Amino acid sequence: VLANKKPRRLPEWFKVTLPSGKEMQRYNSTTSSVKDNQLNTVCEEARCPNIHDCWGRGTATFMVAGKACTRGCRFCAVNTIRNPPPPDEDEPVKLAEAIQRMG
């Protein structure tokens, strides 16, 4: 019975446009800035579905002092930790370098 059914198309508002051209270059540059400096972003930790849109525009939301949060909001996908490890002493410099590279 299911083999004969055609899949329904998603509505236009549901579709995501992936970056291309200059947006793809900015996305790759943002990715490199984050990875090269070993930084954490809300975009990645919260598994944001719009990461391609923001990073394609050269923007990212950085998490300071690690990749876990101490708040524990129920609507958020970011991991929660009660007693976080000490922050990386080099993080401010790494963050500044990433932001400078992103423009």
C-alpha atoms as a PDB file:
ATOM      1  CA  VAL A   1       0.000   0.000   0.000  1.00  0.00           C
ATOM      2  CA  LEU A   2       2.794   2.470   0.893  1.00  0.00           C
ATOM      3  CA  ALA A   3       4.892   1.560  -2.150  1.00  0.00           C
ATOM      4  CA  ASN A   4       2.385   3.213  -4.513  1.00  0.00           C
ATOM      5  CA  LYS A   5       2.169   6.518  -2.610  1.00  0.00           C
ATOM      6  CA  LYS A   6       4.141   9.446  -3.981  1.00  0.00           C
ATOM      7  CA  PRO A   7       5.941  11.487  -1.326  1.00  0.00           C
ATOM      8  CA  ARG A   8       4.427  14.910  -0.763  1.00  0.00           C
ATOM      9  CA  ARG A   9       6.589  17.933  -1.463  1.00  0.00           C
ATOM     10  CA  LEU A  10       7.572  20.171   1.419  1.00  0.00           C
ATOM     11  CA  PRO A  11       6.079  23.665   1.436  1.00  0.00           C
ATOM     12  CA  GLU A  12       8.372  26.476   0.207  1.00  0.00           C
ATOM     13  CA  TRP A  13       8.665  28.045   3.679  1.00  0.00           C
ATOM     14  CA  PHE A  14      10.094  24.765   5.004  1.00  0.00           C
ATOM     15  CA  LYS A  15      12.957  24.561   2.538  1.00  0.00           C
ATOM     16  CA  VAL A  16      16.455  25.789   3.407  1.00  0.00           C
ATOM     17  CA  THR A  17      18.731  27.387   0.859  1.00  0.00           C
ATOM     18  CA  LEU A  18      22.305  26.242   1.280  1.00  0.00           C
ATOM     19  CA  PRO A  19      25.056  28.810   0.812  1.00  0.00           C
ATOM     20  CA  SER A  20      26.743  29.133  -2.567  1.00  0.00           C
ATOM     21  CA  GLY A  21      29.236  31.515  -4.152  1.00  0.00           C
ATOM     22  CA  LYS A  22      30.319  34.271  -1.758  1.00  0.00           C
ATOM     23  CA  GLU A  23      28.050  32.903   0.965  1.00  0.00           C
ATOM     24  CA  MET A  24      29.812  29.543   0.720  1.00  0.00           C
ATOM     25  CA  GLN A  25      33.196  31.268   0.990  1.00  0.00           C
ATOM     26  CA  ARG A  26      32.007  33.129   4.113  1.00  0.00           C
ATOM     27  CA  TYR A  27      30.574  29.902   5.544  1.00  0.00           C
ATOM     28  CA  ASN A  28      33.898  28.111   5.006  1.00  0.00           C
ATOM     29  CA  SER A  29      35.827  31.055   6.457  1.00  0.00           C
ATOM     30  CA  THR A  30      33.593  31.129   9.543  1.00  0.00           C
ATOM     31  CA  THR A  31      33.960  27.373   9.955  1.00  0.00           C
ATOM     32  CA  SER A  32      37.742  27.684   9.721  1.00  0.00           C
ATOM     33  CA  SER A  33      37.816  30.554  12.221  1.00  0.00           C
ATOM     34  CA  VAL A  34      35.824  28.535  14.743  1.00  0.00           C
ATOM     35  CA  LYS A  35      37.722  25.267  14.256  1.00  0.00           C
ATOM     36  CA  ASP A  36      41.240  26.728  13.980  1.00  0.00           C
ATOM     37  CA  ASN A  37      40.785  28.605  17.251  1.00  0.00           C
ATOM     38  CA  GLN A  38      39.075  25.664  19.000  1.00  0.00           C
ATOM     39  CA  LEU A  39      36.042  27.779  19.894  1.00  0.00           C
ATOM     40  CA  ASN A  40      32.520  26.696  20.769  1.00  0.00           C
ATOM     41  CA  THR A  41      29.375  28.191  19.285  1.00  0.00           C
ATOM     42  CA  VAL A  42      25.752  28.090  20.309  1.00  0.00           C
ATOM     43  CA  CYS A  43      25.075  27.375  16.645  1.00  0.00           C
ATOM     44  CA  GLU A  44      26.814  23.990  16.830  1.00  0.00           C
ATOM     45  CA  GLU A  45      26.050  23.007  20.415  1.00  0.00           C
ATOM     46  CA  ALA A  46      22.337  23.788  20.074  1.00  0.00           C
ATOM     47  CA  ARG A  47      22.222  22.101  16.656  1.00  0.00           C
ATOM     48  CA  CYS A  48      20.718  25.223  15.100  1.00  0.00           C
ATOM     49  CA  PRO A  49      18.946  24.540  11.789  1.00  0.00           C
ATOM     50  CA  ASN A  50      19.896  28.018  10.512  1.00  0.00           C
ATOM     51  CA  ILE A  51      23.661  27.636  10.888  1.00  0.00           C
ATOM     52  CA  HIS A  52      24.215  27.760   7.108  1.00  0.00           C
ATOM     53  CA  ASP A  53      22.321  31.041   6.854  1.00  0.00           C
ATOM     54  CA  CYS A  54      24.198  32.809   9.671  1.00  0.00           C
ATOM     55  CA  TRP A  55      27.643  31.407   8.947  1.00  0.00           C
ATOM     56  CA  GLY A  56      27.082  32.164   5.249  1.00  0.00           C
ATOM     57  CA  ARG A  57      26.707  35.811   6.278  1.00  0.00           C
ATOM     58  CA  GLY A  58      29.862  35.582   8.404  1.00  0.00           C
ATOM     59  CA  THR A  59      28.159  35.613  11.806  1.00  0.00           C
ATOM     60  CA  ALA A  60      28.292  33.153  14.687  1.00  0.00           C
ATOM     61  CA  THR A  61      27.228  33.143  18.338  1.00  0.00           C
ATOM     62  CA  PHE A  62      30.186  32.126  20.461  1.00  0.00           C
ATOM     63  CA  MET A  63      29.986  30.347  23.791  1.00  0.00           C
ATOM     64  CA  VAL A  64      32.510  31.703  26.261  1.00  0.00           C
ATOM     65  CA  ALA A  65      34.133  29.479  28.916  1.00  0.00           C
ATOM     66  CA  GLY A  66      33.490  26.107  27.316  1.00  0.00           C
ATOM     67  CA  LYS A  67      30.869  24.186  25.393  1.00  0.00           C
ATOM     68  CA  ALA A  68      28.498  23.478  28.277  1.00  0.00           C
ATOM     69  CA  CYS A  69      26.128  25.936  29.909  1.00  0.00           C
ATOM     70  CA  THR A  70      25.249  26.251  33.594  1.00  0.00           C
ATOM     71  CA  ARG A  71      21.674  27.467  33.049  1.00  0.00           C
ATOM     72  CA  GLY A  72      19.849  24.350  31.862  1.00  0.00           C
ATOM     73  CA  CYS A  73      17.027  25.947  29.867  1.00  0.00           C
ATOM     74  CA  ARG A  74      14.545  23.231  28.907  1.00  0.00           C
ATOM     75  CA  PHE A  75      14.007  24.566  25.379  1.00  0.00           C
ATOM     76  CA  CYS A  76      17.717  24.524  24.515  1.00  0.00           C
ATOM     77  CA  ALA A  77      19.814  21.664  23.137  1.00  0.00           C
ATOM     78  CA  VAL A  78      23.075  22.918  24.703  1.00  0.00           C
ATOM     79  CA  ASN A  79      24.526  20.522  27.272  1.00  0.00           C
ATOM     80  CA  THR A  80      24.254  21.597  30.894  1.00  0.00           C
ATOM     81  CA  ILE A  81      26.910  21.207  33.558  1.00  0.00           C
ATOM     82  CA  ARG A  82      26.733  22.244  37.216  1.00  0.00           C
ATOM     83  CA  ASN A  83      30.459  22.581  37.869  1.00  0.00           C
ATOM     84  CA  PRO A  84      32.231  23.629  34.678  1.00  0.00           C
ATOM     85  CA  PRO A  85      35.971  23.130  34.290  1.00  0.00           C
ATOM     86  CA  PRO A  86      38.209  26.205  34.492  1.00  0.00           C
ATOM     87  CA  PRO A  87      38.043  28.355  31.362  1.00  0.00           C
ATOM     88  CA  ASP A  88      40.791  28.277  28.752  1.00  0.00           C
ATOM     89  CA  GLU A  89      43.179  31.128  29.565  1.00  0.00           C
ATOM     90  CA  ASP A  90      43.855  31.681  25.853  1.00  0.00           C
ATOM     91  CA  GLU A  91      40.176  31.875  24.906  1.00  0.00           C
ATOM     92  CA  PRO A  92      39.972  35.707  24.776  1.00  0.00           C
ATOM     93  CA  VAL A  93      42.881  35.825  22.309  1.00  0.00           C
ATOM     94  CA  LYS A  94      41.443  32.959  20.240  1.00  0.00           C
ATOM     95  CA  LEU A  95      38.035  34.640  20.178  1.00  0.00           C
ATOM     96  CA  ALA A  96      39.535  37.962  19.077  1.00  0.00           C
ATOM     97  CA  GLU A  97      41.472  36.220  16.287  1.00  0.00           C
ATOM     98  CA  ALA A  98      38.361  34.415  15.058  1.00  0.00           C
ATOM     99  CA  ILE A  99      36.289  37.596  15.062  1.00  0.00           C
ATOM    100  CA  GLN A 100      39.014  39.490  13.219  1.00  0.00           C
ATOM    101  CA  ARG A 101      39.228  36.757  10.558  1.00  0.00           C
ATOM    102  CA  MET A 102      35.451  36.760  10.149  1.00  0.00           C
ATOM    103  CA  GLY A 103      35.543  40.495   9.418  1.00  0.00           C
END
